[in-house]
C-alpha atoms as a PDB file:
ATOM      1  CA  MET A   1      99.314  95.397 115.328  1.00  0.00           C
ATOM      2  CA  SER A   2     100.102  97.934 118.057  1.00  0.00           C
ATOM      3  CA  SER A   3     103.134  96.194 119.621  1.00  0.00           C
ATOM      4  CA  ILE A   4     105.317  93.133 119.106  1.00  0.00           C
ATOM      5  CA  ARG A   5     108.256  91.431 120.791  1.00  0.00           C
ATOM      6  CA  LEU A   6     111.500  91.997 118.873  1.00  0.00           C
ATOM      7  CA  ALA A   7     112.195  88.249 118.669  1.00  0.00           C
ATOM      8  CA  ASP A   8     108.775  87.659 117.106  1.00  0.00           C
ATOM      9  CA  LEU A   9     109.325  90.491 114.644  1.00  0.00           C
ATOM     10  CA  ALA A  10     112.716  89.064 113.662  1.00  0.00           C
ATOM     11  CA  GLN A  11     111.153  85.660 113.045  1.00  0.00           C
ATOM     12  CA  GLN A  12     108.376  87.065 110.857  1.00  0.00           C
ATOM     13  CA  LEU A  13     110.866  89.138 108.849  1.00  0.00           C
ATOM     14  CA  ASP A  14     113.421  86.315 108.567  1.00  0.00           C
ATOM     15  CA  ALA A  15     116.025  88.627 110.127  1.00  0.00           C
ATOM     16  CA  LYS A  16     119.065  87.860 112.278  1.00  0.00           C
ATOM     17  CA  LEU A  17     118.577  89.394 115.731  1.00  0.00           C
ATOM     18  CA  HIS A  18     121.396  91.071 117.673  1.00  0.00           C
ATOM     19  CA  GLY A  19     120.581  92.338 121.165  1.00  0.00           C
ATOM     20  CA  ASP A  20     117.685  92.010 123.604  1.00  0.00           C
ATOM     21  CA  SER A  21     115.096  89.643 122.137  1.00  0.00           C
ATOM     22  CA  GLU A  22     112.496  90.630 124.763  1.00  0.00           C
ATOM     23  CA  LEU A  23     112.281  94.267 123.710  1.00  0.00           C
ATOM     24  CA  ILE A  24     108.731  95.392 122.977  1.00  0.00           C
ATOM     25  CA  ILE A  25     108.412  97.368 119.754  1.00  0.00           C
ATOM     26  CA  THR A  26     105.481  99.778 119.749  1.00  0.00           C
ATOM     27  CA  GLY A  27     105.980 101.565 116.448  1.00  0.00           C
ATOM     28  CA  ILE A  28     108.146 102.455 113.463  1.00  0.00           C
ATOM     29  CA  ALA A  29     109.832 105.833 113.050  1.00  0.00           C
ATOM     30  CA  SER A  30     112.489 107.531 110.955  1.00  0.00           C
ATOM     31  CA  ILE A  31     116.049 107.268 112.214  1.00  0.00           C
ATOM     32  CA  SER A  32     116.101 110.953 113.204  1.00  0.00           C
ATOM     33  CA  SER A  33     112.799 110.967 115.129  1.00  0.00           C
ATOM     34  CA  ALA A  34     112.747 107.459 116.659  1.00  0.00           C
ATOM     35  CA  GLN A  35     112.504 107.123 120.453  1.00  0.00           C
ATOM     36  CA  ALA A  36     112.458 104.261 122.955  1.00  0.00           C
ATOM     37  CA  GLY A  37     110.021 101.567 121.825  1.00  0.00           C
ATOM     38  CA  HIS A  38     110.473 102.419 118.150  1.00  0.00           C
ATOM     39  CA  ILE A  39     112.227 100.449 115.458  1.00  0.00           C
ATOM     40  CA  THR A  40     113.799 102.190 112.480  1.00  0.00           C
ATOM     41  CA  PHE A  41     115.790 101.190 109.407  1.00  0.00           C
ATOM     42  CA  PHE A  42     119.131 102.248 107.961  1.00  0.00           C
ATOM     43  CA  SER A  43     120.201 101.635 104.364  1.00  0.00           C
ATOM     44  CA  ASP A  44     122.672 104.355 103.315  1.00  0.00           C
ATOM     45  CA  SER A  45     126.244 103.880 104.551  1.00  0.00           C
ATOM     46  CA  ARG A  46     127.059 107.526 103.785  1.00  0.00           C
ATOM     47  CA  PHE A  47     125.110 108.569 106.878  1.00  0.00           C
ATOM     48  CA  ARG A  48     126.517 106.180 109.464  1.00  0.00           C
ATOM     49  CA  ASP A  49     126.885 109.043 111.927  1.00  0.00           C
ATOM     50  CA  LYS A  50     123.100 108.935 112.350  1.00  0.00           C
ATOM     51  CA  LEU A  51     123.374 105.447 113.841  1.00  0.00           C
ATOM     52  CA  SER A  52     125.449 106.681 116.782  1.00  0.00           C
ATOM     53  CA  SER A  53     122.847 109.303 117.721  1.00  0.00           C
ATOM     54  CA  CYS A  54     119.779 107.154 117.037  1.00  0.00           C
ATOM     55  CA  GLN A  55     117.412 106.839 120.037  1.00  0.00           C
ATOM     56  CA  ALA A  56     115.414 103.868 118.701  1.00  0.00           C
ATOM     57  CA  SER A  57     115.191 100.600 120.611  1.00  0.00           C
ATOM     58  CA  ALA A  58     116.121  98.654 117.473  1.00  0.00           C
ATOM     59  CA  VAL A  59     117.261  99.219 113.914  1.00  0.00           C
ATOM     60  CA  VAL A  60     117.036  97.202 110.697  1.00  0.00           C
ATOM     61  CA  LEU A  61     120.331  97.246 108.787  1.00  0.00           C
ATOM     62  CA  THR A  62     122.843  95.204 106.810  1.00  0.00           C
ATOM     63  CA  GLU A  63     125.700  93.151 108.233  1.00  0.00           C
ATOM     64  CA  GLU A  64     128.290  95.731 107.122  1.00  0.00           C
ATOM     65  CA  ASN A  65     126.569  98.477 109.133  1.00  0.00           C
ATOM     66  CA  LEU A  66     126.026  96.383 112.266  1.00  0.00           C
ATOM     67  CA  PRO A  67     129.296  97.504 113.985  1.00  0.00           C
ATOM     68  CA  PHE A  68     128.078 101.108 113.915  1.00  0.00           C
ATOM     69  CA  SER A  69     124.786 100.407 115.701  1.00  0.00           C
ATOM     70  CA  THR A  70     124.360 101.335 119.372  1.00  0.00           C
ATOM     71  CA  CYS A  71     121.043  99.515 119.884  1.00  0.00           C
ATOM     72  CA  ALA A  72     119.472  96.145 119.163  1.00  0.00           C
ATOM     73  CA  ALA A  73     119.501  95.250 115.490  1.00  0.00           C
ATOM     74  CA  LEU A  74     117.769  93.100 112.896  1.00  0.00           C
ATOM     75  CA  VAL A  75     120.277  92.200 110.186  1.00  0.00           C
ATOM     76  CA  VAL A  76     118.912  91.679 106.669  1.00  0.00           C
ATOM     77  CA  ASP A  77     120.099  91.942 103.072  1.00  0.00           C
ATOM     78  CA  ASN A  78     117.671  94.700 102.041  1.00  0.00           C
ATOM     79  CA  PRO A  79     116.661  97.055 104.888  1.00  0.00           C
ATOM     80  CA  TYR A  80     114.254  99.125 102.794  1.00  0.00           C
ATOM     81  CA  LEU A  81     112.344  96.077 101.590  1.00  0.00           C
ATOM     82  CA  THR A  82     112.264  94.752 105.148  1.00  0.00           C
ATOM     83  CA  TYR A  83     110.948  98.125 106.321  1.00  0.00           C
ATOM     84  CA  ALA A  84     108.068  97.799 103.840  1.00  0.00           C
ATOM     85  CA  ARG A  85     107.164  94.344 105.149  1.00  0.00           C
ATOM     86  CA  MET A  86     107.571  95.470 108.749  1.00  0.00           C
ATOM     87  CA  ALA A  87     105.247  98.417 108.120  1.00  0.00           C
ATOM     88  CA  GLN A  88     102.631  96.005 106.770  1.00  0.00           C
ATOM     89  CA  LEU A  89     102.891  93.891 109.919  1.00  0.00           C
ATOM     90  CA  MET A  90     102.506  96.915 112.204  1.00  0.00           C
ATOM     91  CA  ASP A  91     100.006  98.858 110.097  1.00  0.00           C
ATOM     92  CA  THR A  92      97.319 100.503 112.234  1.00  0.00           C
ATOM     93  CA  THR A  93      95.391 102.143 109.364  1.00  0.00           C
ATOM     94  CA  PRO A  94      91.652 101.707 110.030  1.00  0.00           C
ATOM     95  CA  LYS A  95      89.474  99.924 107.492  1.00  0.00           C
ATOM     96  CA  PRO A  96      87.421 102.070 105.081  1.00  0.00           C
ATOM     97  CA  ALA A  97      84.286 100.426 106.521  1.00  0.00           C
ATOM     98  CA  GLU A  98      83.573  97.831 109.223  1.00  0.00           C
ATOM     99  CA  ASN A  99      80.175  96.429 108.215  1.00  0.00           C
ATOM    100  CA  ILE A 100      77.278  97.076 105.851  1.00  0.00           C
ATOM    101  CA  SER A 101      75.856 100.435 106.851  1.00  0.00           C
ATOM    102  CA  ALA A 102      72.106 100.870 107.128  1.00  0.00           C
ATOM    103  CA  CYS A 103      72.614 104.047 105.073  1.00  0.00           C
ATOM    104  CA  ALA A 104      74.136 102.190 102.114  1.00  0.00           C
ATOM    105  CA  VAL A 105      71.925 101.659  99.049  1.00  0.00           C
ATOM    106  CA  LEU A 106      72.183  98.208  97.447  1.00  0.00           C
ATOM    107  CA  ALA A 107      70.224  96.904  94.469  1.00  0.00           C
ATOM    108  CA  PRO A 108      68.275  93.710  95.279  1.00  0.00           C
ATOM    109  CA  ASP A 109      70.402  91.504  93.011  1.00  0.00           C
ATOM    110  CA  VAL A 110      73.846  92.567  94.253  1.00  0.00           C
ATOM    111  CA  SER A 111      76.017  89.505  94.934  1.00  0.00           C
ATOM    112  CA  LEU A 112      77.928  89.762  98.207  1.00  0.00           C
ATOM    113  CA  GLY A 113      80.716  87.454  99.321  1.00  0.00           C
ATOM    114  CA  GLN A 114      81.553  86.749 102.924  1.00  0.00           C
ATOM    115  CA  ARG A 115      82.625  89.532 105.307  1.00  0.00           C
ATOM    116  CA  VAL A 116      81.890  92.337 102.821  1.00  0.00           C
ATOM    117  CA  ALA A 117      81.768  95.829 104.369  1.00  0.00           C
ATOM    118  CA  ILE A 118      80.025  98.843 102.809  1.00  0.00           C
ATOM    119  CA  GLY A 119      80.160 102.341 104.276  1.00  0.00           C
ATOM    120  CA  ALA A 120      77.398 104.892 104.740  1.00  0.00           C
ATOM    121  CA  ASN A 121      75.828 106.476 101.635  1.00  0.00           C
ATOM    122  CA  ALA A 122      77.543 104.093  99.232  1.00  0.00           C
ATOM    123  CA  VAL A 123      75.451 103.118  96.195  1.00  0.00           C
ATOM    124  CA  ILE A 124      75.819  99.627  94.705  1.00  0.00           C
ATOM    125  CA  GLU A 125      73.842  99.157  91.488  1.00  0.00           C
ATOM    126  CA  SER A 126      72.212  96.124  89.897  1.00  0.00           C
ATOM    127  CA  GLY A 127      74.347  93.165  88.849  1.00  0.00           C
ATOM    128  CA  VAL A 128      77.387  94.121  90.919  1.00  0.00           C
ATOM    129  CA  VAL A 129      79.505  91.290  92.336  1.00  0.00           C
ATOM    130  CA  LEU A 130      81.577  91.943  95.470  1.00  0.00           C
ATOM    131  CA  LYS A 131      83.734  88.954  96.409  1.00  0.00           C
ATOM    132  CA  ASP A 132      84.889  87.923  99.905  1.00  0.00           C
ATOM    133  CA  ASP A 133      86.335  90.600 102.209  1.00  0.00           C
ATOM    134  CA  VAL A 134      85.734  93.489  99.811  1.00  0.00           C
ATOM    135  CA  ILE A 135      85.500  96.843 101.603  1.00  0.00           C
ATOM    136  CA  ILE A 136      83.621  99.751 100.019  1.00  0.00           C
ATOM    137  CA  GLY A 137      84.144 103.085 101.786  1.00  0.00           C
ATOM    138  CA  PRO A 138      81.484 105.708 102.521  1.00  0.00           C
ATOM    139  CA  GLY A 139      80.042 107.574  99.558  1.00  0.00           C
ATOM    140  CA  CYS A 140      81.351 105.213  96.878  1.00  0.00           C
ATOM    141  CA  PHE A 141      79.385 104.526  93.705  1.00  0.00           C
ATOM    142  CA  ILE A 142      79.642 101.117  92.006  1.00  0.00           C
ATOM    143  CA  GLY A 143      77.906 100.988  88.614  1.00  0.00           C
ATOM    144  CA  LYS A 144      75.889  98.193  87.061  1.00  0.00           C
ATOM    145  CA  ASN A 145      77.460  94.785  86.412  1.00  0.00           C
ATOM    146  CA  THR A 146      80.824  95.703  87.899  1.00  0.00           C
ATOM    147  CA  HIS A 147      82.902  92.896  89.420  1.00  0.00           C
ATOM    148  CA  ILE A 148      85.295  93.523  92.342  1.00  0.00           C
ATOM    149  CA  GLY A 149      87.668  90.764  93.443  1.00  0.00           C
ATOM    150  CA  ALA A 150      88.347  89.433  96.927  1.00  0.00           C
ATOM    151  CA  ARG A 151      90.042  91.623  99.565  1.00  0.00           C
ATOM    152  CA  THR A 152      89.953  94.750  97.407  1.00  0.00           C
ATOM    153  CA  ARG A 153      89.454  98.001  99.331  1.00  0.00           C
ATOM    154  CA  LEU A 154      87.957 101.273  98.121  1.00  0.00           C
ATOM    155  CA  TRP A 155      88.342 104.365 100.268  1.00  0.00           C
ATOM    156  CA  ALA A 156      85.609 106.992 100.523  1.00  0.00           C
ATOM    157  CA  ASN A 157      84.034 108.577  97.442  1.00  0.00           C
ATOM    158  CA  VAL A 158      85.512 106.333  94.773  1.00  0.00           C
ATOM    159  CA  THR A 159      83.412 106.192  91.590  1.00  0.00           C
ATOM    160  CA  VAL A 160      83.387 102.991  89.551  1.00  0.00           C
ATOM    161  CA  TYR A 161      81.223 103.095  86.430  1.00  0.00           C
ATOM    162  CA  HIS A 162      79.297 100.197  84.853  1.00  0.00           C
ATOM    163  CA  ASP A 163      80.797  96.954  83.500  1.00  0.00           C
ATOM    164  CA  ILE A 164      84.179  97.413  85.179  1.00  0.00           C
ATOM    165  CA  SER A 165      86.337  94.516  86.372  1.00  0.00           C
ATOM    166  CA  ILE A 166      88.669  95.062  89.338  1.00  0.00           C
ATOM    167  CA  GLY A 167      90.853  92.184  90.496  1.00  0.00           C
ATOM    168  CA  ALA A 168      91.703  90.835  93.934  1.00  0.00           C
ATOM    169  CA  GLN A 169      93.678  92.619  96.664  1.00  0.00           C
ATOM    170  CA  CYS A 170      93.523  96.027  95.005  1.00  0.00           C
ATOM    171  CA  LEU A 171      93.582  99.345  96.857  1.00  0.00           C
ATOM    172  CA  ILE A 172      91.836 102.407  95.413  1.00  0.00           C
ATOM    173  CA  GLN A 173      92.214 105.742  97.168  1.00  0.00           C
ATOM    174  CA  SER A 174      89.565 108.423  97.665  1.00  0.00           C
ATOM    175  CA  GLY A 175      88.276 110.375  94.710  1.00  0.00           C
ATOM    176  CA  ALA A 176      89.495 107.963  92.034  1.00  0.00           C
ATOM    177  CA  VAL A 177      87.222 107.579  89.005  1.00  0.00           C
ATOM    178  CA  ILE A 178      87.275 104.289  87.111  1.00  0.00           C
ATOM    179  CA  GLY A 179      85.461 103.885  83.800  1.00  0.00           C
ATOM    180  CA  SER A 180      84.493 107.441  82.893  1.00  0.00           C
ATOM    181  CA  ASP A 181      84.085 108.269  79.204  1.00  0.00           C
ATOM    182  CA  GLY A 182      87.215 108.589  77.143  1.00  0.00           C
ATOM    183  CA  PHE A 183      87.765 111.788  75.160  1.00  0.00           C
ATOM    184  CA  GLY A 184      86.244 110.697  71.860  1.00  0.00           C
ATOM    185  CA  TYR A 185      84.612 113.069  69.352  1.00  0.00           C
ATOM    186  CA  ALA A 186      84.211 113.349  65.590  1.00  0.00           C
ATOM    187  CA  ASN A 187      84.187 116.749  63.906  1.00  0.00           C
ATOM    188  CA  ASP A 188      81.263 117.590  61.652  1.00  0.00           C
ATOM    189  CA  SER A 189      81.951 120.929  59.949  1.00  0.00           C
ATOM    190  CA  GLY A 190      83.166 122.485  63.178  1.00  0.00           C
ATOM    191  CA  ASN A 191      80.678 120.754  65.482  1.00  0.00           C
ATOM    192  CA  TRP A 192      81.875 118.022  67.824  1.00  0.00           C
ATOM    193  CA  ILE A 193      79.876 114.774  67.719  1.00  0.00           C
ATOM    194  CA  LYS A 194      80.322 112.596  70.808  1.00  0.00           C
ATOM    195  CA  ILE A 195      81.471 109.009  70.281  1.00  0.00           C
ATOM    196  CA  PRO A 196      79.961 106.768  72.984  1.00  0.00           C
ATOM    197  CA  GLN A 197      82.681 104.859  74.803  1.00  0.00           C
ATOM    198  CA  LEU A 198      81.620 101.221  74.587  1.00  0.00           C
ATOM    199  CA  GLY A 199      84.672  99.495  76.054  1.00  0.00           C
ATOM    200  CA  ARG A 200      85.420  98.716  79.683  1.00  0.00           C
ATOM    201  CA  VAL A 201      88.248  99.048  82.208  1.00  0.00           C
ATOM    202  CA  ILE A 202      89.900  95.778  83.234  1.00  0.00           C
ATOM    203  CA  ILE A 203      92.143  96.017  86.302  1.00  0.00           C
ATOM    204  CA  GLY A 204      94.310  93.091  87.417  1.00  0.00           C
ATOM    205  CA  ASP A 205      95.180  91.818  90.890  1.00  0.00           C
ATOM    206  CA  GLN A 206      97.185  93.704  93.542  1.00  0.00           C
ATOM    207  CA  VAL A 207      96.834  97.052  91.787  1.00  0.00           C
ATOM    208  CA  GLU A 208      96.933 100.356  93.673  1.00  0.00           C
ATOM    209  CA  ILE A 209      95.305 103.503  92.293  1.00  0.00           C
ATOM    210  CA  GLY A 210      95.978 106.872  93.910  1.00  0.00           C
ATOM    211  CA  ALA A 211      93.605 109.597  95.028  1.00  0.00           C
ATOM    212  CA  CYS A 212      91.791 111.533  92.292  1.00  0.00           C
ATOM    213  CA  THR A 213      93.282 109.448  89.490  1.00  0.00           C
ATOM    214  CA  THR A 214      91.042 108.900  86.464  1.00  0.00           C
ATOM    215  CA  ILE A 215      91.070 105.797  84.273  1.00  0.00           C
ATOM    216  CA  ASP A 216      88.832 106.172  81.214  1.00  0.00           C
ATOM    217  CA  ARG A 217      86.922 103.282  79.692  1.00  0.00           C
ATOM    218  CA  GLY A 218      87.839 102.099  76.211  1.00  0.00           C
ATOM    219  CA  ALA A 219      86.190 103.436  73.079  1.00  0.00           C
ATOM    220  CA  LEU A 220      85.648  99.964  71.590  1.00  0.00           C
ATOM    221  CA  ASP A 221      88.375  97.780  73.081  1.00  0.00           C
ATOM    222  CA  ASP A 222      89.092  97.845  76.825  1.00  0.00           C
ATOM    223  CA  THR A 223      91.467  99.957  78.870  1.00  0.00           C
ATOM    224  CA  ARG A 224      93.671  97.431  80.687  1.00  0.00           C
ATOM    225  CA  ILE A 225      95.787  97.744  83.837  1.00  0.00           C
ATOM    226  CA  GLY A 226      97.996  94.705  84.514  1.00  0.00           C
ATOM    227  CA  ASN A 227      98.696  92.853  87.749  1.00  0.00           C
ATOM    228  CA  GLY A 228     100.779  94.620  90.384  1.00  0.00           C
ATOM    229  CA  VAL A 229     100.591  98.062  88.746  1.00  0.00           C
ATOM    230  CA  MET A 230     101.076 101.045  91.089  1.00  0.00           C
ATOM    231  CA  ILE A 231      99.482 104.352  90.004  1.00  0.00           C
ATOM    232  CA  ASP A 232      99.998 107.460  92.135  1.00  0.00           C
ATOM    233  CA  ASN A 233      97.627 110.374  92.759  1.00  0.00           C
ATOM    234  CA  GLN A 234      96.069 112.647  90.125  1.00  0.00           C
ATOM    235  CA  CYS A 235      97.034 110.686  87.034  1.00  0.00           C
ATOM    236  CA  GLN A 236      95.037 110.651  83.786  1.00  0.00           C
ATOM    237  CA  ILE A 237      94.848 107.304  81.994  1.00  0.00           C
ATOM    238  CA  ALA A 238      92.991 107.808  78.709  1.00  0.00           C
ATOM    239  CA  HIS A 239      90.834 105.350  76.791  1.00  0.00           C
ATOM    240  CA  ASN A 240      92.356 102.133  75.444  1.00  0.00           C
ATOM    241  CA  VAL A 241      95.617 102.538  77.360  1.00  0.00           C
ATOM    242  CA  VAL A 242      97.279  99.227  78.235  1.00  0.00           C
ATOM    243  CA  ILE A 243      99.748  99.105  81.149  1.00  0.00           C
ATOM    244  CA  GLY A 244     101.800  95.942  81.663  1.00  0.00           C
ATOM    245  CA  ASP A 245     102.359  94.061  84.916  1.00  0.00           C
ATOM    246  CA  ASN A 246     104.290  95.641  87.803  1.00  0.00           C
ATOM    247  CA  THR A 247     104.723  99.043  86.186  1.00  0.00           C
ATOM    248  CA  ALA A 248     104.808 102.050  88.547  1.00  0.00           C
ATOM    249  CA  VAL A 249     103.401 105.459  87.596  1.00  0.00           C
ATOM    250  CA  ALA A 250     104.207 108.499  89.762  1.00  0.00           C
ATOM    251  CA  GLY A 251     101.866 111.415  90.439  1.00  0.00           C
ATOM    252  CA  GLY A 252     100.460 113.750  87.817  1.00  0.00           C
ATOM    253  CA  VAL A 253     101.275 111.607  84.780  1.00  0.00           C
ATOM    254  CA  ILE A 254      99.101 112.083  81.684  1.00  0.00           C
ATOM    255  CA  MET A 255      98.721 109.200  79.239  1.00  0.00           C
ATOM    256  CA  ALA A 256      96.991 109.820  75.923  1.00  0.00           C
ATOM    257  CA  GLY A 257      94.678 107.277  74.330  1.00  0.00           C
ATOM    258  CA  SER A 258      95.704 103.907  72.877  1.00  0.00           C
ATOM    259  CA  LEU A 259      99.131 104.013  74.512  1.00  0.00           C
ATOM    260  CA  THR A 260     100.729 100.665  75.380  1.00  0.00           C
ATOM    261  CA  ILE A 261     103.264 100.526  78.219  1.00  0.00           C
ATOM    262  CA  GLY A 262     105.179  97.326  78.907  1.00  0.00           C
ATOM    263  CA  SER A 263     105.853  95.519  82.171  1.00  0.00           C
ATOM    264  CA  TYR A 264     108.306  96.596  84.900  1.00  0.00           C
ATOM    265  CA  CYS A 265     108.410 100.205  83.702  1.00  0.00           C
ATOM    266  CA  MET A 266     108.698 103.291  85.920  1.00  0.00           C
ATOM    267  CA  ILE A 267     107.122 106.560  84.797  1.00  0.00           C
ATOM    268  CA  GLY A 268     108.325 109.661  86.663  1.00  0.00           C
ATOM    269  CA  GLY A 269     105.981 112.302  88.023  1.00  0.00           C
ATOM    270  CA  ALA A 270     104.314 114.865  85.721  1.00  0.00           C
ATOM    271  CA  SER A 271     105.397 113.014  82.581  1.00  0.00           C
ATOM    272  CA  VAL A 272     103.257 113.299  79.450  1.00  0.00           C
ATOM    273  CA  ILE A 273     103.053 110.374  77.035  1.00  0.00           C
ATOM    274  CA  ASN A 274     101.679 110.547  73.515  1.00  0.00           C
ATOM    275  CA  GLY A 275      98.904 108.250  72.353  1.00  0.00           C
ATOM    276  CA  HIS A 276      99.023 105.442  69.789  1.00  0.00           C
ATOM    277  CA  ILE A 277     102.625 104.528  70.628  1.00  0.00           C
ATOM    278  CA  ALA A 278     104.230 101.626  72.502  1.00  0.00           C
ATOM    279  CA  ILE A 279     106.843 101.585  75.262  1.00  0.00           C
ATOM    280  CA  CYS A 280     108.693  98.304  75.741  1.00  0.00           C
ATOM    281  CA  ASP A 281     109.330  96.496  79.037  1.00  0.00           C
ATOM    282  CA  LYS A 282     111.774  97.801  81.674  1.00  0.00           C
ATOM    283  CA  VAL A 283     111.787 101.442  80.617  1.00  0.00           C
ATOM    284  CA  THR A 284     112.270 104.274  83.125  1.00  0.00           C
ATOM    285  CA  VAL A 285     111.051 107.753  82.169  1.00  0.00           C
ATOM    286  CA  THR A 286     112.378 110.383  84.566  1.00  0.00           C
ATOM    287  CA  GLY A 287     110.165 113.133  85.962  1.00  0.00           C
ATOM    288  CA  MET A 288     108.484 115.572  83.563  1.00  0.00           C
ATOM    289  CA  GLY A 289     109.468 113.440  80.598  1.00  0.00           C
ATOM    290  CA  MET A 290     107.662 114.144  77.327  1.00  0.00           C
ATOM    291  CA  VAL A 291     107.407 110.921  75.343  1.00  0.00           C
ATOM    292  CA  MET A 292     106.370 111.600  71.756  1.00  0.00           C
ATOM    293  CA  ARG A 293     107.653 108.489  69.957  1.00  0.00           C
ATOM    294  CA  PRO A 294     107.762 104.742  70.661  1.00  0.00           C
ATOM    295  CA  ILE A 295     110.494 103.408  72.951  1.00  0.00           C
ATOM    296  CA  THR A 296     111.808 100.067  71.749  1.00  0.00           C
ATOM    297  CA  GLU A 297     114.871  99.536  73.967  1.00  0.00           C
ATOM    298  CA  PRO A 298     114.901  99.144  77.782  1.00  0.00           C
ATOM    299  CA  GLY A 299     116.724 101.885  79.667  1.00  0.00           C
ATOM    300  CA  VAL A 300     116.404 105.282  81.326  1.00  0.00           C
ATOM    301  CA  TYR A 301     115.006 108.176  79.279  1.00  0.00           C
ATOM    302  CA  SER A 302     114.804 111.888  80.137  1.00  0.00           C
ATOM    303  CA  SER A 303     113.695 115.148  78.541  1.00  0.00           C
ATOM    304  CA  GLY A 304     113.212 118.771  79.481  1.00  0.00           C
ATOM    305  CA  ILE A 305     115.536 121.420  80.895  1.00  0.00           C
ATOM    306  CA  PRO A 306     116.528 121.081  84.574  1.00  0.00           C
ATOM    307  CA  LEU A 307     115.887 123.996  86.919  1.00  0.00           C
ATOM    308  CA  GLN A 308     118.188 127.014  86.532  1.00  0.00           C
ATOM    309  CA  GLN A 309     118.303 130.528  87.907  1.00  0.00           C
ATOM    310  CA  ASN A 310     115.799 132.572  85.923  1.00  0.00           C
ATOM    311  CA  LYS A 311     118.381 134.759  84.206  1.00  0.00           C
ATOM    312  CA  VAL A 312     120.310 131.656  83.106  1.00  0.00           C
ATOM    313  CA  TRP A 313     117.121 129.887  82.009  1.00  0.00           C
ATOM    314  CA  ARG A 314     116.131 132.877  79.842  1.00  0.00           C
ATOM    315  CA  LYS A 315     119.424 132.629  77.967  1.00  0.00           C
ATOM    316  CA  THR A 316     119.010 128.864  77.588  1.00  0.00           C
ATOM    317  CA  ALA A 317     115.458 129.298  76.277  1.00  0.00           C
ATOM    318  CA  ALA A 318     116.630 131.937  73.791  1.00  0.00           C
ATOM    319  CA  LEU A 319     119.325 129.574  72.511  1.00  0.00           C
ATOM    320  CA  VAL A 320     116.829 126.717  72.177  1.00  0.00           C
ATOM    321  CA  LEU A 321     114.440 128.908  70.186  1.00  0.00           C
ATOM    322  CA  ASN A 322     117.299 129.837  67.828  1.00  0.00           C
ATOM    323  CA  ILE A 323     118.642 126.316  67.267  1.00  0.00           C
ATOM    324  CA  SER A 324     117.173 126.102  63.746  1.00  0.00           C
ATOM    325  CA  TYR A 325     118.746 129.431  62.748  1.00  0.00           C
ATOM    326  CA  MET A 326     122.105 128.476  64.284  1.00  0.00           C
ATOM    327  CA  ASN A 327     122.019 125.115  62.503  1.00  0.00           C
ATOM    328  CA  LYS A 328     121.586 126.863  59.149  1.00  0.00           C
ATOM    329  CA  LYS A 329     124.476 129.226  59.933  1.00  0.00           C
ATOM    330  CA  ILE A 330     126.760 126.337  60.920  1.00  0.00           C
ATOM    331  CA  LYS A 331     125.951 124.428  57.726  1.00  0.00           C
ATOM    332  CA  ALA A 332     126.653 127.558  55.655  1.00  0.00           C
ATOM    333  CA  ILE A 333     130.028 127.966  57.393  1.00  0.00           C
ATOM    334  CA  GLU A 334     130.825 124.294  56.792  1.00  0.00           C
ATOM    335  CA  ARG A 335     130.071 124.697  53.074  1.00  0.00           C
ATOM    336  CA  LYS A 336     132.365 127.730  52.847  1.00  0.00           C
ATOM    337  CA  LEU A 337     135.141 125.886  54.692  1.00  0.00           C
ATOM    338  CA  GLY A 338     134.734 122.952  52.338  1.00  0.00           C
ATOM    339  CA  LYS A 339     135.181 125.194  49.301  1.00  0.00           C
ATOM    340  CA  PHE A 340     138.164 126.905  50.936  1.00  0.00           C
ATOM    341  CA  ASN A 341     139.862 123.578  51.704  1.00  0.00           C
ATOM    342  CA  ARG A 342     139.439 122.441  48.103  1.00  0.00           C
ATOM    343  CA  LEU A 343     141.167 125.634  46.886  1.00  0.00           C
ATOM    344  CA  LEU A 344     144.219 125.151  49.113  1.00  0.00           C
ATOM    345  CA  PRO A 345     147.321 123.947  47.184  1.00  0.00           C
ATOM    346  CA  LEU A 346     148.406 120.414  47.874  1.00  0.00           C
ATOM    347  CA  ARG A 347     151.550 120.199  49.963  1.00  0.00           C
ATOM    348  CA  GLY A 348     154.283 117.955  48.647  1.00  0.00           C
END
């Protein structure tokens, strides 16, 4: 949608309109860069001074911030959530493909739903099922017997191996690899013997997978990604990982094999999570967290040393490396103090 009347936008967003209902909104912009024709949003009362200098035609905000607005306004309870829905309404992102390209390669027995689009140089192998409104971008590879649900979109150069199941309304960004072999080997007197990965990857509905993220297939059981899971760019999801519904994973996260993560979790960027452990529902791991043991209680968990000036960090690192020695010294001092206290005469 390239433009919309403000009254129509308010109706679709279930917002209370203040100001000129006939304004034409042509785009969304940040509060600092918005110009005439734009709509923006405001959610942090600490920066109310930005409202007075805002050049947008309209702003989305809460009732308490309405008196500080100098332009038309849409009043809602949650401006950021409304911004997300507004962006969906006005999204002008082109589709990954518009039709079935003559340069695409499809096996004779591929099952195509209605309005399927497949870009140039995509390869769709035997037994694949693409449901209604699936879009496969240029250069994608879809392996044998894979099933992709309705309205799922794959951007260019996504690789989906054989026997994979992807649900409805998913979005997979360029360069993602779904169903590659997990890292499984047995050692025979120093020689590594490959263990074929016989499981699959099962992805639920409304899942998003970021660019260049890899999700390995299971060794025997399946790797499973629940409904509504959001995975950012350049993540590594190892074999047999299970991620519960509506969990969000930020960029650069590494998950070792046979990890189970509950529902409604948030995993901060560049975190590393050990394999063969479980994390319960509603856990937040802050950025660069190193999770080595199971987490059994909901809450926020952190690890690592925050950024310091290098000379301060060197001292901190030296202290950390000497913790074991210092602990022994403290215990020795405590023992001596204990003996000393026992030798003191009792006071009457």
